[in-house]
Amino acid sequence: MSERPVSNPLALAVLACLAERPMHPYEMASTMRERRKDDAIKLNYGSLYSVIESLCKHGFIVAKETIKDGKRPERTVFELTENGRLELGDWLSELLSEPTKEYTHFEAGLSLMPVLSPEEALKLLRRRVEMLELELAKARSVDAYARERRIPRLHMVEREFQVSQREAEVSFVRALIDDLAGGRLDGLEEWRSWHTAG
C-alpha cells in the first residue's frame, strides 16, 4: 500500500461525496449517514473538519463558495479538484485490489489470551458469540428491510461483507470454544499449569 498524504478513510468518503457534486460539510455528513456509510467509516464532526482542512491543504478539494441560508450559520461549499478526482480513483483502486494486514482488537485479544485463565477465556468467548449473534440478527433485519425497499445491492455490498466477516468470526469462535471446552486445544495443559502455578 502506498503512503498517502491524507490516509483517513473519512477523507476517502469526503472525496467520494464531492465526486457527485459540491457540498458543505453538514451535507457530506448527512449523505454518509443517510447511506449508512458510517457503518463502514468512523464519522464525527471534529474529524470531518480536520479531514476537510487536510484535503484542502493537499489540493484535493477547494472551497467553491460560502452560502448563507436564513438564520443558519454560513456554510462553505467544497468541490473536488482534478487532483482530488485522481486521488479518489487511485485510492479506491488500491483498496479494492490490494489485500493488507489489518490489526483488529479481537486478534490482539486472541494473541494475549493466555494472560487469562482458560476458564475465564472460555466464559468471555461464549459471551462474544452471544453478542455476535445479536449483531448478526440485527444486520439480517436491516438487510431484509433493504430488500423490501428494493435498495440496490450495490449500495449494501459493504454490509454483506460485514455480515460475512461476522459469520466467519462466529464460526471460528464456536470452534475455539469447542476445542477449549473439550480439552482439545493444543497447549491447554501448559496454559492451565501457568495459572495453577501462579
N, C-alpha and C. Protein backbone atom coordinates (compact mmCIF):
# COMPACT_ATOMS: atom_id res chain seq x y z
N MET A 1 0.84 -1.19 0.00
CA MET A 1 0.00 0.00 0.00
C MET A 1 0.87 1.24 0.00
N SER A 2 0.53 2.15 -0.86
CA SER A 2 1.35 3.36 -0.94
C SER A 2 1.02 4.33 0.18
N GLU A 3 1.99 5.17 0.49
CA GLU A 3 1.83 6.20 1.53
C GLU A 3 1.00 7.35 0.94
N ARG A 4 -0.08 7.70 1.60
CA ARG A 4 -0.96 8.76 1.09
C ARG A 4 -0.81 10.01 1.95
N PRO A 5 -0.88 11.20 1.34
CA PRO A 5 -0.77 12.43 2.14
C PRO A 5 -1.91 12.58 3.13
N VAL A 6 -3.09 12.08 2.79
CA VAL A 6 -4.23 12.04 3.70
C VAL A 6 -4.74 10.60 3.65
N SER A 7 -4.63 9.88 4.78
CA SER A 7 -4.93 8.44 4.73
C SER A 7 -6.14 8.02 5.54
N ASN A 8 -6.82 8.95 6.19
CA ASN A 8 -8.01 8.64 6.97
C ASN A 8 -9.13 8.20 6.03
N PRO A 9 -9.77 7.04 6.26
CA PRO A 9 -10.86 6.60 5.40
C PRO A 9 -11.99 7.63 5.27
N LEU A 10 -12.14 8.49 6.28
CA LEU A 10 -13.15 9.54 6.20
C LEU A 10 -12.82 10.50 5.05
N ALA A 11 -11.54 10.72 4.78
CA ALA A 11 -11.13 11.56 3.65
C ALA A 11 -11.58 10.95 2.34
N LEU A 12 -11.49 9.64 2.25
CA LEU A 12 -11.95 8.94 1.05
C LEU A 12 -13.45 9.14 0.85
N ALA A 13 -14.20 9.06 1.94
CA ALA A 13 -15.65 9.28 1.87
C ALA A 13 -15.98 10.71 1.45
N VAL A 14 -15.21 11.68 1.95
CA VAL A 14 -15.41 13.09 1.55
C VAL A 14 -15.16 13.24 0.06
N LEU A 15 -14.07 12.67 -0.43
CA LEU A 15 -13.77 12.74 -1.86
C LEU A 15 -14.89 12.10 -2.68
N ALA A 16 -15.41 10.97 -2.20
CA ALA A 16 -16.50 10.28 -2.92
C ALA A 16 -17.76 11.14 -2.95
N CYS A 17 -18.09 11.79 -1.83
CA CYS A 17 -19.26 12.68 -1.81
C CYS A 17 -19.09 13.81 -2.82
N LEU A 18 -17.90 14.41 -2.82
CA LEU A 18 -17.66 15.55 -3.70
C LEU A 18 -17.52 15.14 -5.16
N ALA A 19 -17.31 13.85 -5.42
CA ALA A 19 -17.29 13.37 -6.80
C ALA A 19 -18.70 13.46 -7.41
N GLU A 20 -19.72 13.44 -6.54
CA GLU A 20 -21.10 13.56 -7.00
C GLU A 20 -21.44 15.01 -7.34
N ARG A 21 -21.08 15.91 -6.39
CA ARG A 21 -21.40 17.34 -6.56
C ARG A 21 -20.74 18.11 -5.43
N PRO A 22 -20.59 19.42 -5.57
CA PRO A 22 -20.07 20.23 -4.46
C PRO A 22 -21.04 20.15 -3.26
N MET A 23 -20.47 20.13 -2.05
CA MET A 23 -21.28 20.03 -0.83
C MET A 23 -20.59 20.79 0.30
N HIS A 24 -21.39 21.16 1.30
CA HIS A 24 -20.81 21.70 2.53
C HIS A 24 -20.67 20.53 3.52
N PRO A 25 -19.86 20.67 4.55
CA PRO A 25 -19.58 19.56 5.46
C PRO A 25 -20.83 18.91 6.06
N TYR A 26 -21.82 19.71 6.46
CA TYR A 26 -23.02 19.12 7.05
C TYR A 26 -23.71 18.21 6.04
N GLU A 27 -23.76 18.66 4.79
CA GLU A 27 -24.39 17.85 3.73
C GLU A 27 -23.61 16.55 3.49
N MET A 28 -22.28 16.65 3.54
CA MET A 28 -21.46 15.44 3.38
C MET A 28 -21.79 14.44 4.48
N ALA A 29 -21.81 14.91 5.73
CA ALA A 29 -22.09 14.04 6.87
C ALA A 29 -23.49 13.44 6.76
N SER A 30 -24.46 14.26 6.38
CA SER A 30 -25.84 13.77 6.23
C SER A 30 -25.93 12.71 5.14
N THR A 31 -25.23 12.94 4.04
CA THR A 31 -25.23 11.99 2.92
C THR A 31 -24.63 10.66 3.37
N MET A 32 -23.51 10.72 4.09
CA MET A 32 -22.86 9.49 4.56
C MET A 32 -23.76 8.73 5.52
N ARG A 33 -24.41 9.46 6.42
CA ARG A 33 -25.30 8.81 7.39
C ARG A 33 -26.53 8.22 6.71
N GLU A 34 -27.10 8.98 5.80
CA GLU A 34 -28.29 8.52 5.07
C GLU A 34 -28.00 7.22 4.32
N ARG A 35 -26.79 7.12 3.80
CA ARG A 35 -26.39 5.93 3.05
C ARG A 35 -25.74 4.86 3.92
N ARG A 36 -25.72 5.09 5.23
CA ARG A 36 -25.18 4.16 6.21
C ARG A 36 -23.68 3.91 6.02
N LYS A 37 -22.97 4.88 5.45
CA LYS A 37 -21.53 4.74 5.28
C LYS A 37 -20.82 4.83 6.62
N ASP A 38 -21.50 5.38 7.63
CA ASP A 38 -20.90 5.46 8.97
C ASP A 38 -20.83 4.08 9.63
N ASP A 39 -21.42 3.05 9.00
CA ASP A 39 -21.23 1.68 9.48
C ASP A 39 -19.84 1.17 9.08
N ALA A 40 -19.30 1.71 8.00
CA ALA A 40 -18.01 1.24 7.48
C ALA A 40 -16.88 2.23 7.75
N ILE A 41 -17.23 3.51 7.95
CA ILE A 41 -16.23 4.56 8.12
C ILE A 41 -16.59 5.38 9.35
N LYS A 42 -15.64 5.52 10.27
CA LYS A 42 -15.90 6.27 11.50
C LYS A 42 -16.12 7.74 11.16
N LEU A 43 -17.27 8.26 11.58
CA LEU A 43 -17.66 9.62 11.23
C LEU A 43 -17.97 10.42 12.48
N ASN A 44 -17.24 11.52 12.67
CA ASN A 44 -17.64 12.50 13.67
C ASN A 44 -17.23 13.88 13.15
N TYR A 45 -17.97 14.89 13.60
CA TYR A 45 -17.80 16.23 13.01
C TYR A 45 -16.41 16.81 13.22
N GLY A 46 -15.81 16.60 14.38
CA GLY A 46 -14.47 17.12 14.63
C GLY A 46 -13.48 16.58 13.62
N SER A 47 -13.53 15.26 13.40
CA SER A 47 -12.65 14.63 12.42
C SER A 47 -12.97 15.10 11.01
N LEU A 48 -14.25 15.28 10.72
CA LEU A 48 -14.66 15.69 9.38
C LEU A 48 -14.01 17.03 9.01
N TYR A 49 -14.07 17.99 9.92
CA TYR A 49 -13.48 19.30 9.63
C TYR A 49 -11.96 19.22 9.49
N SER A 50 -11.31 18.39 10.31
CA SER A 50 -9.86 18.21 10.20
C SER A 50 -9.49 17.58 8.85
N VAL A 51 -10.28 16.60 8.44
CA VAL A 51 -10.04 15.92 7.16
C VAL A 51 -10.22 16.90 6.01
N ILE A 52 -11.28 17.71 6.06
CA ILE A 52 -11.54 18.70 5.01
C ILE A 52 -10.37 19.68 4.92
N GLU A 53 -9.90 20.13 6.06
CA GLU A 53 -8.76 21.06 6.09
C GLU A 53 -7.53 20.42 5.45
N SER A 54 -7.28 19.15 5.77
CA SER A 54 -6.12 18.45 5.23
C SER A 54 -6.27 18.23 3.72
N LEU A 55 -7.47 17.89 3.28
CA LEU A 55 -7.70 17.69 1.84
C LEU A 55 -7.48 19.01 1.07
N CYS A 56 -7.91 20.11 1.67
CA CYS A 56 -7.68 21.43 1.06
C CYS A 56 -6.18 21.72 0.97
N LYS A 57 -5.49 21.47 2.07
CA LYS A 57 -4.05 21.75 2.15
C LYS A 57 -3.27 21.00 1.07
N HIS A 58 -3.72 19.79 0.75
CA HIS A 58 -3.04 18.97 -0.25
C HIS A 58 -3.60 19.15 -1.66
N GLY A 59 -4.54 20.07 -1.82
CA GLY A 59 -5.04 20.39 -3.15
C GLY A 59 -6.02 19.41 -3.74
N PHE A 60 -6.63 18.56 -2.88
CA PHE A 60 -7.59 17.59 -3.39
C PHE A 60 -9.01 18.17 -3.48
N ILE A 61 -9.29 19.16 -2.63
CA ILE A 61 -10.58 19.86 -2.68
C ILE A 61 -10.31 21.36 -2.49
N VAL A 62 -11.28 22.17 -2.91
CA VAL A 62 -11.18 23.62 -2.70
C VAL A 62 -12.54 24.15 -2.28
N ALA A 63 -12.51 25.28 -1.57
CA ALA A 63 -13.75 25.95 -1.22
C ALA A 63 -14.29 26.61 -2.49
N LYS A 64 -15.53 26.31 -2.80
CA LYS A 64 -16.15 26.85 -4.02
C LYS A 64 -16.87 28.16 -3.71
N GLU A 65 -17.65 28.13 -2.61
CA GLU A 65 -18.42 29.32 -2.23
C GLU A 65 -18.86 29.19 -0.78
N THR A 66 -19.27 30.31 -0.22
CA THR A 66 -19.85 30.33 1.11
C THR A 66 -21.30 30.79 0.95
N ILE A 67 -22.22 30.00 1.54
CA ILE A 67 -23.63 30.33 1.39
C ILE A 67 -24.24 30.65 2.75
N LYS A 68 -25.23 31.50 2.72
CA LYS A 68 -25.98 31.88 3.93
C LYS A 68 -27.43 31.55 3.65
N ASP A 69 -28.03 30.72 4.51
CA ASP A 69 -29.41 30.29 4.32
C ASP A 69 -30.22 30.67 5.55
N GLY A 70 -30.94 31.77 5.46
CA GLY A 70 -31.78 32.21 6.58
C GLY A 70 -30.97 32.47 7.83
N LYS A 71 -31.43 31.88 8.93
CA LYS A 71 -30.77 32.10 10.22
C LYS A 71 -29.62 31.13 10.47
N ARG A 72 -29.44 30.19 9.55
CA ARG A 72 -28.34 29.23 9.71
C ARG A 72 -27.00 29.94 9.57
N PRO A 73 -25.96 29.38 10.20
CA PRO A 73 -24.63 29.99 10.03
C PRO A 73 -24.15 29.80 8.58
N GLU A 74 -23.19 30.62 8.20
CA GLU A 74 -22.61 30.48 6.87
C GLU A 74 -22.02 29.09 6.71
N ARG A 75 -22.15 28.55 5.50
CA ARG A 75 -21.60 27.23 5.20
C ARG A 75 -20.72 27.32 3.97
N THR A 76 -19.55 26.73 4.08
CA THR A 76 -18.63 26.71 2.95
C THR A 76 -18.88 25.45 2.14
N VAL A 77 -19.09 25.64 0.86
CA VAL A 77 -19.30 24.53 -0.07
C VAL A 77 -17.95 24.19 -0.70
N PHE A 78 -17.61 22.90 -0.69
CA PHE A 78 -16.34 22.44 -1.24
C PHE A 78 -16.59 21.65 -2.52
N GLU A 79 -15.56 21.67 -3.38
CA GLU A 79 -15.65 20.86 -4.59
C GLU A 79 -14.34 20.12 -4.80
N LEU A 80 -14.43 19.05 -5.57
CA LEU A 80 -13.28 18.21 -5.87
C LEU A 80 -12.42 18.86 -6.95
N THR A 81 -11.11 18.80 -6.78
CA THR A 81 -10.20 19.28 -7.82
C THR A 81 -9.86 18.10 -8.74
N GLU A 82 -9.18 18.36 -9.82
CA GLU A 82 -8.75 17.27 -10.70
C GLU A 82 -7.79 16.34 -9.96
N ASN A 83 -6.90 16.91 -9.13
CA ASN A 83 -6.00 16.07 -8.32
C ASN A 83 -6.79 15.22 -7.33
N GLY A 84 -7.87 15.79 -6.79
CA GLY A 84 -8.73 15.04 -5.88
C GLY A 84 -9.42 13.88 -6.58
N ARG A 85 -9.86 14.11 -7.81
CA ARG A 85 -10.51 13.06 -8.59
C ARG A 85 -9.51 11.92 -8.87
N LEU A 86 -8.27 12.28 -9.20
CA LEU A 86 -7.24 11.27 -9.44
C LEU A 86 -6.90 10.50 -8.16
N GLU A 87 -6.80 11.23 -7.04
CA GLU A 87 -6.50 10.59 -5.75
C GLU A 87 -7.62 9.61 -5.37
N LEU A 88 -8.86 10.02 -5.56
CA LEU A 88 -10.01 9.17 -5.24
C LEU A 88 -9.94 7.88 -6.05
N GLY A 89 -9.73 7.99 -7.36
CA GLY A 89 -9.67 6.79 -8.21
C GLY A 89 -8.51 5.89 -7.85
N ASP A 90 -7.35 6.48 -7.61
CA ASP A 90 -6.16 5.70 -7.27
C ASP A 90 -6.33 5.00 -5.93
N TRP A 91 -6.84 5.74 -4.95
CA TRP A 91 -7.01 5.19 -3.59
C TRP A 91 -8.03 4.06 -3.59
N LEU A 92 -9.17 4.26 -4.25
CA LEU A 92 -10.19 3.20 -4.31
C LEU A 92 -9.66 1.97 -5.04
N SER A 93 -8.93 2.19 -6.13
CA SER A 93 -8.35 1.07 -6.89
C SER A 93 -7.44 0.25 -5.99
N GLU A 94 -6.64 0.94 -5.20
CA GLU A 94 -5.72 0.27 -4.28
C GLU A 94 -6.47 -0.52 -3.21
N LEU A 95 -7.48 0.09 -2.61
CA LEU A 95 -8.24 -0.58 -1.55
C LEU A 95 -8.96 -1.82 -2.05
N LEU A 96 -9.51 -1.75 -3.25
CA LEU A 96 -10.26 -2.87 -3.77
C LEU A 96 -9.37 -3.99 -4.30
N SER A 97 -8.15 -3.67 -4.72
CA SER A 97 -7.32 -4.69 -5.36
C SER A 97 -6.23 -5.28 -4.48
N GLU A 98 -5.75 -4.55 -3.49
CA GLU A 98 -4.58 -5.00 -2.72
C GLU A 98 -4.94 -5.38 -1.29
N PRO A 99 -4.84 -6.68 -0.96
CA PRO A 99 -5.08 -7.08 0.43
C PRO A 99 -4.00 -6.48 1.35
N THR A 100 -4.40 -6.04 2.53
CA THR A 100 -3.44 -5.52 3.50
C THR A 100 -3.70 -6.16 4.86
N LYS A 101 -2.69 -6.15 5.68
CA LYS A 101 -2.83 -6.65 7.04
C LYS A 101 -3.56 -5.60 7.87
N GLU A 102 -4.70 -5.98 8.45
CA GLU A 102 -5.44 -5.07 9.31
C GLU A 102 -5.37 -5.62 10.73
N TYR A 103 -5.03 -4.76 11.66
CA TYR A 103 -4.85 -5.18 13.05
C TYR A 103 -6.16 -4.94 13.81
N THR A 104 -6.86 -6.04 14.10
CA THR A 104 -8.14 -5.90 14.80
C THR A 104 -7.94 -6.05 16.31
N HIS A 105 -8.86 -5.49 17.05
CA HIS A 105 -8.80 -5.61 18.51
C HIS A 105 -8.97 -7.07 18.94
N PHE A 106 -9.86 -7.79 18.27
CA PHE A 106 -10.08 -9.18 18.63
C PHE A 106 -8.82 -10.02 18.40
N GLU A 107 -8.15 -9.78 17.30
CA GLU A 107 -6.92 -10.51 17.02
C GLU A 107 -5.87 -10.23 18.11
N ALA A 108 -5.79 -8.97 18.54
CA ALA A 108 -4.87 -8.63 19.63
C ALA A 108 -5.26 -9.38 20.91
N GLY A 109 -6.56 -9.43 21.19
CA GLY A 109 -7.04 -10.16 22.36
C GLY A 109 -6.70 -11.64 22.31
N LEU A 110 -6.89 -12.24 21.12
CA LEU A 110 -6.56 -13.67 20.97
C LEU A 110 -5.07 -13.91 21.19
N SER A 111 -4.25 -12.99 20.69
CA SER A 111 -2.80 -13.19 20.81
C SER A 111 -2.33 -13.12 22.27
N LEU A 112 -3.10 -12.43 23.11
CA LEU A 112 -2.72 -12.28 24.52
C LEU A 112 -3.64 -13.06 25.47
N MET A 113 -4.51 -13.89 24.93
CA MET A 113 -5.49 -14.64 25.71
C MET A 113 -4.88 -15.46 26.85
N PRO A 114 -3.69 -16.06 26.71
CA PRO A 114 -3.15 -16.86 27.81
C PRO A 114 -2.92 -16.10 29.11
N VAL A 115 -2.98 -14.77 29.08
CA VAL A 115 -2.86 -14.00 30.32
C VAL A 115 -4.02 -14.35 31.26
N LEU A 116 -5.18 -14.64 30.67
CA LEU A 116 -6.35 -15.05 31.45
C LEU A 116 -6.30 -16.56 31.68
N SER A 117 -7.06 -17.03 32.63
CA SER A 117 -7.15 -18.49 32.81
C SER A 117 -7.99 -19.07 31.68
N PRO A 118 -7.81 -20.36 31.37
CA PRO A 118 -8.64 -20.98 30.33
C PRO A 118 -10.14 -20.86 30.62
N GLU A 119 -10.50 -20.96 31.89
CA GLU A 119 -11.92 -20.88 32.26
C GLU A 119 -12.49 -19.48 32.00
N GLU A 120 -11.69 -18.45 32.35
CA GLU A 120 -12.12 -17.07 32.11
C GLU A 120 -12.22 -16.80 30.61
N ALA A 121 -11.23 -17.27 29.85
CA ALA A 121 -11.25 -17.09 28.39
C ALA A 121 -12.48 -17.76 27.78
N LEU A 122 -12.79 -18.95 28.25
CA LEU A 122 -13.96 -19.69 27.75
C LEU A 122 -15.24 -18.92 28.00
N LYS A 123 -15.36 -18.38 29.21
CA LYS A 123 -16.56 -17.60 29.56
C LYS A 123 -16.68 -16.36 28.66
N LEU A 124 -15.57 -15.68 28.43
CA LEU A 124 -15.58 -14.47 27.60
C LEU A 124 -15.86 -14.78 26.13
N LEU A 125 -15.31 -15.88 25.64
CA LEU A 125 -15.56 -16.26 24.25
C LEU A 125 -17.04 -16.62 24.04
N ARG A 126 -17.63 -17.27 25.03
CA ARG A 126 -19.07 -17.58 24.93
C ARG A 126 -19.89 -16.29 24.90
N ARG A 127 -19.51 -15.33 25.72
CA ARG A 127 -20.20 -14.04 25.71
C ARG A 127 -20.05 -13.36 24.35
N ARG A 128 -18.86 -13.47 23.77
CA ARG A 128 -18.63 -12.87 22.45
C ARG A 128 -19.56 -13.47 21.40
N VAL A 129 -19.72 -14.79 21.42
CA VAL A 129 -20.60 -15.45 20.45
C VAL A 129 -22.03 -14.93 20.61
N GLU A 130 -22.49 -14.78 21.85
CA GLU A 130 -23.84 -14.25 22.08
C GLU A 130 -23.99 -12.86 21.49
N MET A 131 -23.00 -12.01 21.73
CA MET A 131 -23.06 -10.64 21.21
C MET A 131 -22.99 -10.62 19.68
N LEU A 132 -22.15 -11.47 19.11
CA LEU A 132 -22.05 -11.54 17.65
C LEU A 132 -23.37 -12.01 17.04
N GLU A 133 -24.02 -12.97 17.69
CA GLU A 133 -25.30 -13.46 17.17
C GLU A 133 -26.36 -12.38 17.21
N LEU A 134 -26.33 -11.54 18.25
CA LEU A 134 -27.26 -10.40 18.30
C LEU A 134 -26.97 -9.42 17.17
N GLU A 135 -25.69 -9.12 16.94
CA GLU A 135 -25.29 -8.23 15.83
C GLU A 135 -25.76 -8.79 14.50
N LEU A 136 -25.58 -10.10 14.31
CA LEU A 136 -25.99 -10.72 13.05
C LEU A 136 -27.50 -10.67 12.86
N ALA A 137 -28.25 -10.90 13.92
CA ALA A 137 -29.72 -10.82 13.83
C ALA A 137 -30.15 -9.42 13.42
N LYS A 138 -29.53 -8.41 14.02
CA LYS A 138 -29.84 -7.02 13.68
C LYS A 138 -29.48 -6.73 12.22
N ALA A 139 -28.30 -7.18 11.80
CA ALA A 139 -27.86 -6.95 10.43
C ALA A 139 -28.79 -7.62 9.44
N ARG A 140 -29.24 -8.81 9.76
CA ARG A 140 -30.15 -9.52 8.85
C ARG A 140 -31.49 -8.82 8.75
N SER A 141 -31.96 -8.22 9.85
CA SER A 141 -33.23 -7.49 9.77
C SER A 141 -33.07 -6.22 8.93
N VAL A 142 -31.90 -5.56 9.02
CA VAL A 142 -31.63 -4.40 8.17
C VAL A 142 -31.58 -4.83 6.71
N ASP A 143 -30.96 -5.96 6.44
CA ASP A 143 -30.88 -6.48 5.07
C ASP A 143 -32.27 -6.80 4.52
N ALA A 144 -33.11 -7.40 5.37
CA ALA A 144 -34.48 -7.71 4.93
C ALA A 144 -35.23 -6.42 4.61
N TYR A 145 -35.05 -5.41 5.45
CA TYR A 145 -35.69 -4.11 5.22
C TYR A 145 -35.21 -3.50 3.90
N ALA A 146 -33.91 -3.61 3.63
CA ALA A 146 -33.33 -3.06 2.40
C ALA A 146 -33.90 -3.78 1.18
N ARG A 147 -34.05 -5.11 1.28
CA ARG A 147 -34.63 -5.86 0.16
C ARG A 147 -36.08 -5.46 -0.07
N GLU A 148 -36.81 -5.28 1.04
CA GLU A 148 -38.21 -4.82 0.97
C GLU A 148 -38.32 -3.49 0.24
N ARG A 149 -37.39 -2.61 0.54
CA ARG A 149 -37.37 -1.27 -0.06
C ARG A 149 -36.74 -1.26 -1.45
N ARG A 150 -36.28 -2.44 -1.87
CA ARG A 150 -35.64 -2.59 -3.18
C ARG A 150 -34.39 -1.70 -3.33
N ILE A 151 -33.65 -1.60 -2.24
CA ILE A 151 -32.38 -0.86 -2.29
C ILE A 151 -31.40 -1.72 -3.08
N PRO A 152 -30.79 -1.17 -4.11
CA PRO A 152 -29.88 -1.98 -4.93
C PRO A 152 -28.74 -2.58 -4.11
N ARG A 153 -28.37 -3.78 -4.45
CA ARG A 153 -27.30 -4.48 -3.76
C ARG A 153 -26.01 -3.66 -3.76
N LEU A 154 -25.77 -2.91 -4.83
CA LEU A 154 -24.58 -2.07 -4.93
C LEU A 154 -24.41 -1.18 -3.71
N HIS A 155 -25.52 -0.70 -3.15
CA HIS A 155 -25.45 0.21 -2.01
C HIS A 155 -25.40 -0.51 -0.67
N MET A 156 -25.43 -1.83 -0.72
CA MET A 156 -25.43 -2.61 0.53
C MET A 156 -24.24 -3.58 0.59
N VAL A 157 -23.38 -3.54 -0.42
CA VAL A 157 -22.34 -4.56 -0.52
C VAL A 157 -21.36 -4.53 0.67
N GLU A 158 -21.11 -3.36 1.24
CA GLU A 158 -20.20 -3.33 2.40
C GLU A 158 -20.84 -4.00 3.61
N ARG A 159 -22.18 -3.92 3.70
CA ARG A 159 -22.88 -4.61 4.79
C ARG A 159 -22.79 -6.13 4.60
N GLU A 160 -22.90 -6.57 3.36
CA GLU A 160 -22.75 -8.00 3.07
C GLU A 160 -21.39 -8.48 3.55
N PHE A 161 -20.37 -7.66 3.27
CA PHE A 161 -19.02 -8.00 3.69
C PHE A 161 -18.94 -8.08 5.22
N GLN A 162 -19.52 -7.09 5.90
CA GLN A 162 -19.50 -7.07 7.36
C GLN A 162 -20.19 -8.31 7.93
N VAL A 163 -21.32 -8.68 7.34
CA VAL A 163 -22.07 -9.86 7.81
C VAL A 163 -21.25 -11.12 7.58
N SER A 164 -20.63 -11.23 6.40
CA SER A 164 -19.83 -12.44 6.12
C SER A 164 -18.63 -12.53 7.07
N GLN A 165 -18.04 -11.39 7.41
CA GLN A 165 -16.94 -11.38 8.39
C GLN A 165 -17.43 -11.86 9.75
N ARG A 166 -18.58 -11.34 10.17
CA ARG A 166 -19.13 -11.73 11.47
C ARG A 166 -19.51 -13.21 11.50
N GLU A 167 -20.08 -13.71 10.40
CA GLU A 167 -20.43 -15.13 10.35
C GLU A 167 -19.18 -15.99 10.45
N ALA A 168 -18.12 -15.59 9.76
CA ALA A 168 -16.86 -16.33 9.83
C ALA A 168 -16.29 -16.27 11.26
N GLU A 169 -16.42 -15.11 11.89
CA GLU A 169 -15.92 -14.96 13.26
C GLU A 169 -16.70 -15.85 14.22
N VAL A 170 -18.03 -15.89 14.09
CA VAL A 170 -18.85 -16.76 14.95
C VAL A 170 -18.42 -18.21 14.78
N SER A 171 -18.22 -18.62 13.53
CA SER A 171 -17.82 -20.00 13.25
C SER A 171 -16.46 -20.30 13.89
N PHE A 172 -15.51 -19.37 13.75
CA PHE A 172 -14.19 -19.56 14.33
C PHE A 172 -14.27 -19.63 15.86
N VAL A 173 -14.99 -18.70 16.48
CA VAL A 173 -15.05 -18.65 17.94
C VAL A 173 -15.76 -19.88 18.49
N ARG A 174 -16.82 -20.33 17.82
CA ARG A 174 -17.51 -21.55 18.28
C ARG A 174 -16.56 -22.75 18.25
N ALA A 175 -15.79 -22.86 17.17
CA ALA A 175 -14.83 -23.98 17.07
C ALA A 175 -13.76 -23.87 18.15
N LEU A 176 -13.31 -22.66 18.44
CA LEU A 176 -12.32 -22.45 19.50
C LEU A 176 -12.91 -22.82 20.87
N ILE A 177 -14.15 -22.41 21.10
CA ILE A 177 -14.84 -22.77 22.35
C ILE A 177 -14.94 -24.28 22.48
N ASP A 178 -15.34 -24.97 21.40
CA ASP A 178 -15.46 -26.43 21.44
C ASP A 178 -14.12 -27.09 21.77
N ASP A 179 -13.04 -26.60 21.14
CA ASP A 179 -11.72 -27.19 21.41
C ASP A 179 -11.26 -26.91 22.84
N LEU A 180 -11.54 -25.70 23.31
CA LEU A 180 -11.15 -25.32 24.67
C LEU A 180 -11.97 -26.10 25.70
N ALA A 181 -13.29 -26.12 25.52
CA ALA A 181 -14.17 -26.83 26.47
C ALA A 181 -13.94 -28.34 26.42
N GLY A 182 -13.61 -28.86 25.24
CA GLY A 182 -13.40 -30.30 25.09
C GLY A 182 -11.99 -30.75 25.40
N GLY A 183 -11.12 -29.80 25.79
CA GLY A 183 -9.75 -30.14 26.15
C GLY A 183 -8.86 -30.48 24.96
N ARG A 184 -9.29 -30.10 23.75
CA ARG A 184 -8.54 -30.44 22.54
C ARG A 184 -7.61 -29.33 22.05
N LEU A 185 -7.58 -28.20 22.72
CA LEU A 185 -6.73 -27.09 22.28
C LEU A 185 -5.27 -27.40 22.60
N ASP A 186 -4.46 -27.49 21.58
CA ASP A 186 -3.04 -27.79 21.77
C ASP A 186 -2.41 -26.70 22.64
N GLY A 187 -1.70 -27.11 23.69
CA GLY A 187 -1.07 -26.17 24.61
C GLY A 187 -1.92 -25.86 25.83
N LEU A 188 -3.12 -26.45 25.91
CA LEU A 188 -4.05 -26.17 27.01
C LEU A 188 -3.48 -26.56 28.37
N GLU A 189 -2.81 -27.71 28.45
CA GLU A 189 -2.27 -28.16 29.74
C GLU A 189 -1.18 -27.20 30.24
N GLU A 190 -0.34 -26.74 29.33
CA GLU A 190 0.70 -25.78 29.70
C GLU A 190 0.05 -24.47 30.17
N TRP A 191 -0.97 -24.04 29.46
CA TRP A 191 -1.72 -22.83 29.82
C TRP A 191 -2.30 -22.95 31.22
N ARG A 192 -2.93 -24.09 31.49
CA ARG A 192 -3.52 -24.32 32.83
C ARG A 192 -2.43 -24.30 33.90
N SER A 193 -1.30 -24.93 33.59
CA SER A 193 -0.23 -25.01 34.60
C SER A 193 0.34 -23.65 34.93
N TRP A 194 0.37 -22.72 33.96
CA TRP A 194 0.85 -21.35 34.24
C TRP A 194 -0.03 -20.73 35.31
N HIS A 195 -1.33 -20.97 35.19
CA HIS A 195 -2.26 -20.32 36.11
C HIS A 195 -2.35 -21.03 37.46
N THR A 196 -2.18 -22.35 37.48
CA THR A 196 -2.20 -23.04 38.76
C THR A 196 -0.92 -22.81 39.54
N ALA A 197 0.19 -22.65 38.79
CA ALA A 197 1.49 -22.39 39.44
C ALA A 197 1.58 -20.95 39.93
N GLY A 198 0.72 -20.08 39.41
CA GLY A 198 0.72 -18.67 39.83
C GLY A 198 1.80 -17.90 39.11
